[in-house]
PDB file of N, CA and C in Angstrom:
ATOM      1  N   MET A   1      13.569  10.758 -16.334  1.00  0.00           N
ATOM      2  CA  MET A   1      13.611   9.377 -16.754  1.00  0.00           C
ATOM      3  C   MET A   1      14.429   8.564 -15.758  1.00  0.00           C
ATOM      4  N   TRP A   2      15.213   7.619 -16.222  1.00  0.00           N
ATOM      5  CA  TRP A   2      15.984   6.762 -15.330  1.00  0.00           C
ATOM      6  C   TRP A   2      17.259   7.447 -14.880  1.00  0.00           C
ATOM      7  N   GLN A   3      17.568   7.314 -13.617  1.00  0.00           N
ATOM      8  CA  GLN A   3      18.782   7.895 -13.064  1.00  0.00           C
ATOM      9  C   GLN A   3      19.624   6.782 -12.475  1.00  0.00           C
ATOM     10  N   ARG A   4      20.888   6.771 -12.787  1.00  0.00           N
ATOM     11  CA  ARG A   4      21.807   5.753 -12.269  1.00  0.00           C
ATOM     12  C   ARG A   4      21.872   5.826 -10.756  1.00  0.00           C
ATOM     13  N   GLY A   5      21.769   4.687 -10.105  1.00  0.00           N
ATOM     14  CA  GLY A   5      21.899   4.638  -8.660  1.00  0.00           C
ATOM     15  C   GLY A   5      20.640   5.001  -7.892  1.00  0.00           C
ATOM     16  N   SER A   6      19.512   5.069  -8.554  1.00  0.00           N
ATOM     17  CA  SER A   6      18.267   5.383  -7.860  1.00  0.00           C
ATOM     18  C   SER A   6      17.264   4.259  -8.088  1.00  0.00           C
ATOM     19  N   LEU A   7      16.104   4.379  -7.491  1.00  0.00           N
ATOM     20  CA  LEU A   7      15.079   3.356  -7.682  1.00  0.00           C
ATOM     21  C   LEU A   7      14.576   3.312  -9.111  1.00  0.00           C
ATOM     22  N   THR A   8      14.833   4.357  -9.870  1.00  0.00           N
ATOM     23  CA  THR A   8      14.382   4.370 -11.253  1.00  0.00           C
ATOM     24  C   THR A   8      15.447   3.849 -12.203  1.00  0.00           C
ATOM     25  N   ASP A   9      16.489   3.295 -11.661  1.00  0.00           N
ATOM     26  CA  ASP A   9      17.556   2.691 -12.460  1.00  0.00           C
ATOM     27  C   ASP A   9      17.007   1.439 -13.142  1.00  0.00           C
ATOM     28  N   ARG A  10      17.277   1.255 -14.388  1.00  0.00           N
ATOM     29  CA  ARG A  10      16.765   0.104 -15.129  1.00  0.00           C
ATOM     30  C   ARG A  10      17.244  -1.219 -14.548  1.00  0.00           C
ATOM     31  N   ASP A  11      18.391  -1.229 -13.884  1.00  0.00           N
ATOM     32  CA  ASP A  11      18.944  -2.466 -13.353  1.00  0.00           C
ATOM     33  C   ASP A  11      18.431  -2.794 -11.956  1.00  0.00           C
ATOM     34  N   ASP A  12      17.622  -1.946 -11.371  1.00  0.00           N
ATOM     35  CA  ASP A  12      17.150  -2.147 -10.008  1.00  0.00           C
ATOM     36  C   ASP A  12      15.877  -2.982 -10.021  1.00  0.00           C
ATOM     37  N   THR A  13      15.970  -4.227  -9.565  1.00  0.00           N
ATOM     38  CA  THR A  13      14.821  -5.130  -9.591  1.00  0.00           C
ATOM     39  C   THR A  13      13.976  -5.050  -8.329  1.00  0.00           C
ATOM     40  N   ARG A  14      14.374  -4.234  -7.362  1.00  0.00           N
ATOM     41  CA  ARG A  14      13.608  -4.149  -6.112  1.00  0.00           C
ATOM     42  C   ARG A  14      12.186  -3.668  -6.340  1.00  0.00           C
ATOM     43  N   VAL A  15      11.949  -2.899  -7.385  1.00  0.00           N
ATOM     44  CA  VAL A  15      10.596  -2.406  -7.629  1.00  0.00           C
ATOM     45  C   VAL A  15       9.650  -3.523  -8.040  1.00  0.00           C
ATOM     46  N   HIS A  16      10.170  -4.673  -8.427  1.00  0.00           N
ATOM     47  CA  HIS A  16       9.338  -5.802  -8.835  1.00  0.00           C
ATOM     48  C   HIS A  16       9.244  -6.884  -7.761  1.00  0.00           C
ATOM     49  N   MET A  17       9.843  -6.650  -6.608  1.00  0.00           N
ATOM     50  CA  MET A  17       9.867  -7.663  -5.550  1.00  0.00           C
ATOM     51  C   MET A  17       8.558  -7.715  -4.772  1.00  0.00           C
ATOM     52  N   ALA A  18       8.100  -8.926  -4.515  1.00  0.00           N
ATOM     53  CA  ALA A  18       6.913  -9.130  -3.685  1.00  0.00           C
ATOM     54  C   ALA A  18       7.252  -8.838  -2.225  1.00  0.00           C
ATOM     55  N   PRO A  19       6.261  -8.430  -1.438  1.00  0.00           N
ATOM     56  CA  PRO A  19       6.519  -8.126  -0.025  1.00  0.00           C
ATOM     57  C   PRO A  19       7.122  -9.299   0.739  1.00  0.00           C
ATOM     58  N   GLU A  20       6.744 -10.509   0.380  1.00  0.00           N
ATOM     59  CA  GLU A  20       7.245 -11.700   1.070  1.00  0.00           C
ATOM     60  C   GLU A  20       8.748 -11.871   0.928  1.00  0.00           C
ATOM     61  N   LEU A  21       9.333 -11.313  -0.115  1.00  0.00           N
ATOM     62  CA  LEU A  21      10.774 -11.455  -0.324  1.00  0.00           C
ATOM     63  C   LEU A  21      11.589 -10.675   0.703  1.00  0.00           C
ATOM     64  N   TYR A  22      10.954  -9.720   1.372  1.00  0.00           N
ATOM     65  CA  TYR A  22      11.652  -8.989   2.424  1.00  0.00           C
ATOM     66  C   TYR A  22      11.727  -9.808   3.708  1.00  0.00           C
ATOM     67  N   GLU A  23      10.982 -10.899   3.739  1.00  0.00           N
ATOM     68  CA  GLU A  23      10.986 -11.794   4.890  1.00  0.00           C
ATOM     69  C   GLU A  23      11.423 -13.169   4.413  1.00  0.00           C
ATOM     70  N   GLU A  24      11.400 -14.157   5.274  1.00  0.00           N
ATOM     71  CA  GLU A  24      11.934 -15.462   4.898  1.00  0.00           C
ATOM     72  C   GLU A  24      10.910 -16.424   4.319  1.00  0.00           C
ATOM     73  N   GLY A  25       9.671 -16.373   4.761  1.00  0.00           N
ATOM     74  CA  GLY A  25       8.699 -17.362   4.310  1.00  0.00           C
ATOM     75  C   GLY A  25       7.985 -16.960   3.036  1.00  0.00           C
ATOM     76  N   TYR A  26       8.412 -17.484   1.908  1.00  0.00           N
ATOM     77  CA  TYR A  26       7.734 -17.179   0.652  1.00  0.00           C
ATOM     78  C   TYR A  26       7.757 -18.399  -0.256  1.00  0.00           C
ATOM     79  N   ASN A  27       6.907 -18.364  -1.287  1.00  0.00           N
ATOM     80  CA  ASN A  27       6.816 -19.470  -2.236  1.00  0.00           C
ATOM     81  C   ASN A  27       6.752 -18.921  -3.656  1.00  0.00           C
ATOM     82  N   GLU A  28       6.264 -19.740  -4.572  1.00  0.00           N
ATOM     83  CA  GLU A  28       6.253 -19.347  -5.988  1.00  0.00           C
ATOM     84  C   GLU A  28       5.281 -18.205  -6.288  1.00  0.00           C
ATOM     85  N   LEU A  29       4.408 -17.861  -5.371  1.00  0.00           N
ATOM     86  CA  LEU A  29       3.483 -16.752  -5.603  1.00  0.00           C
ATOM     87  C   LEU A  29       4.201 -15.409  -5.735  1.00  0.00           C
ATOM     88  N   VAL A  30       5.412 -15.317  -5.220  1.00  0.00           N
ATOM     89  CA  VAL A  30       6.172 -14.071  -5.388  1.00  0.00           C
ATOM     90  C   VAL A  30       6.473 -13.829  -6.866  1.00  0.00           C
ATOM     91  N   ASP A  31       6.580 -14.915  -7.642  1.00  0.00           N
ATOM     92  CA  ASP A  31       6.813 -14.773  -9.081  1.00  0.00           C
ATOM     93  C   ASP A  31       5.577 -14.205  -9.773  1.00  0.00           C
ATOM     94  N   VAL A  32       4.397 -14.589  -9.308  1.00  0.00           N
ATOM     95  CA  VAL A  32       3.151 -14.065  -9.871  1.00  0.00           C
ATOM     96  C   VAL A  32       3.062 -12.563  -9.616  1.00  0.00           C
ATOM     97  N   TYR A  33       3.400 -12.141  -8.400  1.00  0.00           N
ATOM     98  CA  TYR A  33       3.400 -10.723  -8.043  1.00  0.00           C
ATOM     99  C   TYR A  33       4.372  -9.952  -8.945  1.00  0.00           C
ATOM    100  N   SER A  34       5.584 -10.456  -9.076  1.00  0.00           N
ATOM    101  CA  SER A  34       6.599  -9.789  -9.896  1.00  0.00           C
ATOM    102  C   SER A  34       6.182  -9.727 -11.355  1.00  0.00           C
ATOM    103  N   PHE A  35       5.583 -10.801 -11.849  1.00  0.00           N
ATOM    104  CA  PHE A  35       5.110 -10.827 -13.235  1.00  0.00           C
ATOM    105  C   PHE A  35       4.011  -9.783 -13.435  1.00  0.00           C
ATOM    106  N   GLY A  36       3.134  -9.659 -12.452  1.00  0.00           N
ATOM    107  CA  GLY A  36       2.078  -8.649 -12.531  1.00  0.00           C
ATOM    108  C   GLY A  36       2.641  -7.244 -12.616  1.00  0.00           C
ATOM    109  N   LEU A  37       3.689  -6.971 -11.848  1.00  0.00           N
ATOM    110  CA  LEU A  37       4.309  -5.647 -11.915  1.00  0.00           C
ATOM    111  C   LEU A  37       5.014  -5.428 -13.250  1.00  0.00           C
ATOM    112  N   CYS A  38       5.555  -6.492 -13.823  1.00  0.00           N
ATOM    113  CA  CYS A  38       6.158  -6.377 -15.166  1.00  0.00           C
ATOM    114  C   CYS A  38       5.082  -6.046 -16.195  1.00  0.00           C
ATOM    115  N   LEU A  39       3.919  -6.702 -16.087  1.00  0.00           N
ATOM    116  CA  LEU A  39       2.810  -6.405 -16.996  1.00  0.00           C
ATOM    117  C   LEU A  39       2.334  -4.964 -16.816  1.00  0.00           C
ATOM    118  N   LEU A  40       2.273  -4.515 -15.570  1.00  0.00           N
ATOM    119  CA  LEU A  40       1.881  -3.133 -15.291  1.00  0.00           C
ATOM    120  C   LEU A  40       2.858  -2.159 -15.940  1.00  0.00           C
ATOM    121  N   GLU A  41       4.134  -2.452 -15.839  1.00  0.00           N
ATOM    122  CA  GLU A  41       5.146  -1.587 -16.440  1.00  0.00           C
ATOM    123  C   GLU A  41       5.008  -1.549 -17.960  1.00  0.00           C
ATOM    124  N   MET A  42       4.735  -2.701 -18.566  1.00  0.00           N
ATOM    125  CA  MET A  42       4.573  -2.731 -20.025  1.00  0.00           C
ATOM    126  C   MET A  42       3.318  -1.985 -20.451  1.00  0.00           C
ATOM    127  N   ASP A  43       2.242  -2.102 -19.676  1.00  0.00           N
ATOM    128  CA  ASP A  43       0.979  -1.461 -20.030  1.00  0.00           C
ATOM    129  C   ASP A  43       1.035   0.056 -19.865  1.00  0.00           C
ATOM    130  N   THR A  44       1.665   0.513 -18.797  1.00  0.00           N
ATOM    131  CA  THR A  44       1.678   1.951 -18.499  1.00  0.00           C
ATOM    132  C   THR A  44       2.927   2.669 -18.996  1.00  0.00           C
ATOM    133  N   MET A  45       3.945   1.891 -19.377  1.00  0.00           N
ATOM    134  CA  MET A  45       5.228   2.469 -19.781  1.00  0.00           C
ATOM    135  C   MET A  45       5.835   3.276 -18.628  1.00  0.00           C
ATOM    136  N   GLU A  46       5.548   2.850 -17.398  1.00  0.00           N
ATOM    137  CA  GLU A  46       6.045   3.528 -16.205  1.00  0.00           C
ATOM    138  C   GLU A  46       6.546   2.472 -15.221  1.00  0.00           C
ATOM    139  N   ILE A  47       7.692   2.726 -14.628  1.00  0.00           N
ATOM    140  CA  ILE A  47       8.244   1.793 -13.655  1.00  0.00           C
ATOM    141  C   ILE A  47       7.362   1.802 -12.410  1.00  0.00           C
ATOM    142  N   PRO A  48       6.958   0.615 -11.918  1.00  0.00           N
ATOM    143  CA  PRO A  48       6.141   0.573 -10.703  1.00  0.00           C
ATOM    144  C   PRO A  48       6.849   1.265  -9.533  1.00  0.00           C
ATOM    145  N   TYR A  49       6.085   1.939  -8.739  1.00  0.00           N
ATOM    146  CA  TYR A  49       6.583   2.658  -7.558  1.00  0.00           C
ATOM    147  C   TYR A  49       7.586   3.752  -7.916  1.00  0.00           C
ATOM    148  N   MET A  50       7.445   4.310  -9.108  1.00  0.00           N
ATOM    149  CA  MET A  50       8.339   5.381  -9.533  1.00  0.00           C
ATOM    150  C   MET A  50       8.194   6.616  -8.639  1.00  0.00           C
ATOM    151  N   GLU A  51       7.078   6.677  -7.931  1.00  0.00           N
ATOM    152  CA  GLU A  51       6.852   7.814  -7.032  1.00  0.00           C
ATOM    153  C   GLU A  51       7.739   7.765  -5.790  1.00  0.00           C
ATOM    154  N   CYS A  52       8.350   6.632  -5.521  1.00  0.00           N
ATOM    155  CA  CYS A  52       9.237   6.495  -4.356  1.00  0.00           C
ATOM    156  C   CYS A  52      10.615   7.069  -4.669  1.00  0.00           C
ATOM    157  N   ASN A  53      11.151   7.836  -3.736  1.00  0.00           N
ATOM    158  CA  ASN A  53      12.461   8.460  -3.921  1.00  0.00           C
ATOM    159  C   ASN A  53      13.606   7.635  -3.374  1.00  0.00           C
ATOM    160  N   CYS A  54      13.293   6.682  -2.504  1.00  0.00           N
ATOM    161  CA  CYS A  54      14.351   5.877  -1.904  1.00  0.00           C
ATOM    162  C   CYS A  54      13.822   4.487  -1.567  1.00  0.00           C
ATOM    163  N   ILE A  55      14.735   3.587  -1.249  1.00  0.00           N
ATOM    164  CA  ILE A  55      14.374   2.205  -0.956  1.00  0.00           C
ATOM    165  C   ILE A  55      13.488   2.112   0.280  1.00  0.00           C
ATOM    166  N   PHE A  56      13.622   3.033   1.224  1.00  0.00           N
ATOM    167  CA  PHE A  56      12.806   3.001   2.437  1.00  0.00           C
ATOM    168  C   PHE A  56      11.340   3.297   2.133  1.00  0.00           C
ATOM    169  N   GLN A  57      11.094   4.240   1.239  1.00  0.00           N
ATOM    170  CA  GLN A  57       9.720   4.525   0.820  1.00  0.00           C
ATOM    171  C   GLN A  57       9.133   3.321   0.100  1.00  0.00           C
ATOM    172  N   LEU A  58       9.920   2.718  -0.773  1.00  0.00           N
ATOM    173  CA  LEU A  58       9.472   1.527  -1.495  1.00  0.00           C
ATOM    174  C   LEU A  58       9.140   0.409  -0.518  1.00  0.00           C
ATOM    175  N   TYR A  59      10.036   0.142   0.421  1.00  0.00           N
ATOM    176  CA  TYR A  59       9.830  -0.911   1.418  1.00  0.00           C
ATOM    177  C   TYR A  59       8.542  -0.674   2.205  1.00  0.00           C
ATOM    178  N   ASN A  60       8.338   0.556   2.663  1.00  0.00           N
ATOM    179  CA  ASN A  60       7.137   0.873   3.437  1.00  0.00           C
ATOM    180  C   ASN A  60       5.865   0.658   2.633  1.00  0.00           C
ATOM    181  N   LYS A  61       5.850   1.087   1.391  1.00  0.00           N
ATOM    182  CA  LYS A  61       4.656   0.914   0.563  1.00  0.00           C
ATOM    183  C   LYS A  61       4.378  -0.558   0.292  1.00  0.00           C
ATOM    184  N   VAL A  62       5.404  -1.284  -0.106  1.00  0.00           N
ATOM    185  CA  VAL A  62       5.219  -2.689  -0.474  1.00  0.00           C
ATOM    186  C   VAL A  62       4.796  -3.522   0.729  1.00  0.00           C
ATOM    187  N   THR A  63       5.448  -3.347   1.854  1.00  0.00           N
ATOM    188  CA  THR A  63       5.123  -4.168   3.029  1.00  0.00           C
ATOM    189  C   THR A  63       3.779  -3.798   3.653  1.00  0.00           C
ATOM    190  N   LYS A  64       3.276  -2.605   3.372  1.00  0.00           N
ATOM    191  CA  LYS A  64       1.952  -2.211   3.868  1.00  0.00           C
ATOM    192  C   LYS A  64       0.851  -2.501   2.856  1.00  0.00           C
ATOM    193  N   GLY A  65       1.216  -3.054   1.702  1.00  0.00           N
ATOM    194  CA  GLY A  65       0.216  -3.419   0.700  1.00  0.00           C
ATOM    195  C   GLY A  65      -0.276  -2.270  -0.151  1.00  0.00           C
ATOM    196  N   VAL A  66       0.459  -1.166  -0.169  1.00  0.00           N
ATOM    197  CA  VAL A  66       0.077  -0.009  -0.985  1.00  0.00           C
ATOM    198  C   VAL A  66       0.489  -0.277  -2.430  1.00  0.00           C
ATOM    199  N   MET A  67      -0.475  -0.173  -3.326  1.00  0.00           N
ATOM    200  CA  MET A  67      -0.207  -0.430  -4.739  1.00  0.00           C
ATOM    201  C   MET A  67       0.496   0.774  -5.379  1.00  0.00           C
ATOM    202  N   PRO A  68       1.258   0.534  -6.464  1.00  0.00           N
ATOM    203  CA  PRO A  68       1.943   1.646  -7.137  1.00  0.00           C
ATOM    204  C   PRO A  68       0.943   2.601  -7.798  1.00  0.00           C
ATOM    205  N   LEU A  69       1.299   3.871  -7.858  1.00  0.00           N
ATOM    206  CA  LEU A  69       0.421   4.867  -8.479  1.00  0.00           C
ATOM    207  C   LEU A  69       0.169   4.577  -9.953  1.00  0.00           C
ATOM    208  N   ALA A  70       1.086   3.887 -10.600  1.00  0.00           N
ATOM    209  CA  ALA A  70       0.918   3.553 -12.022  1.00  0.00           C
ATOM    210  C   ALA A  70      -0.343   2.731 -12.255  1.00  0.00           C
ATOM    211  N   LEU A  71      -0.814   2.035 -11.233  1.00  0.00           N
ATOM    212  CA  LEU A  71      -2.022   1.222 -11.358  1.00  0.00           C
ATOM    213  C   LEU A  71      -3.241   2.081 -11.662  1.00  0.00           C
ATOM    214  N   ASN A  72      -3.222   3.345 -11.257  1.00  0.00           N
ATOM    215  CA  ASN A  72      -4.341   4.252 -11.541  1.00  0.00           C
ATOM    216  C   ASN A  72      -4.507   4.508 -13.032  1.00  0.00           C
ATOM    217  N   LYS A  73      -3.460   4.316 -13.807  1.00  0.00           N
ATOM    218  CA  LYS A  73      -3.543   4.514 -15.254  1.00  0.00           C
ATOM    219  C   LYS A  73      -4.294   3.380 -15.936  1.00  0.00           C
ATOM    220  N   VAL A  74      -4.403   2.250 -15.265  1.00  0.00           N
ATOM    221  CA  VAL A  74      -5.043   1.070 -15.849  1.00  0.00           C
ATOM    222  C   VAL A  74      -6.540   1.074 -15.572  1.00  0.00           C
ATOM    223  N   PHE A  75      -6.936   1.514 -14.394  1.00  0.00           N
ATOM    224  CA  PHE A  75      -8.355   1.468 -14.003  1.00  0.00           C
ATOM    225  C   PHE A  75      -9.019   2.793 -14.180  1.00  0.00           C
TER     226      PHE A  75
END
């Protein structure tokens, strides 16, 4: 389940961040992305990108446009 100090920590909001937030040019669409990941989490009962073990894996997946594995539970 959730482990303190890891990406699966309940207080870690990085798993809901849009790729644009890692750079400077972004707008309100980042909120739509984050809201979508919140909906995904509620639907699957799984934290998005839970398969990532560290922030570097998360960063690489998000910035390359790789969707979280939890999305496979929806489709």
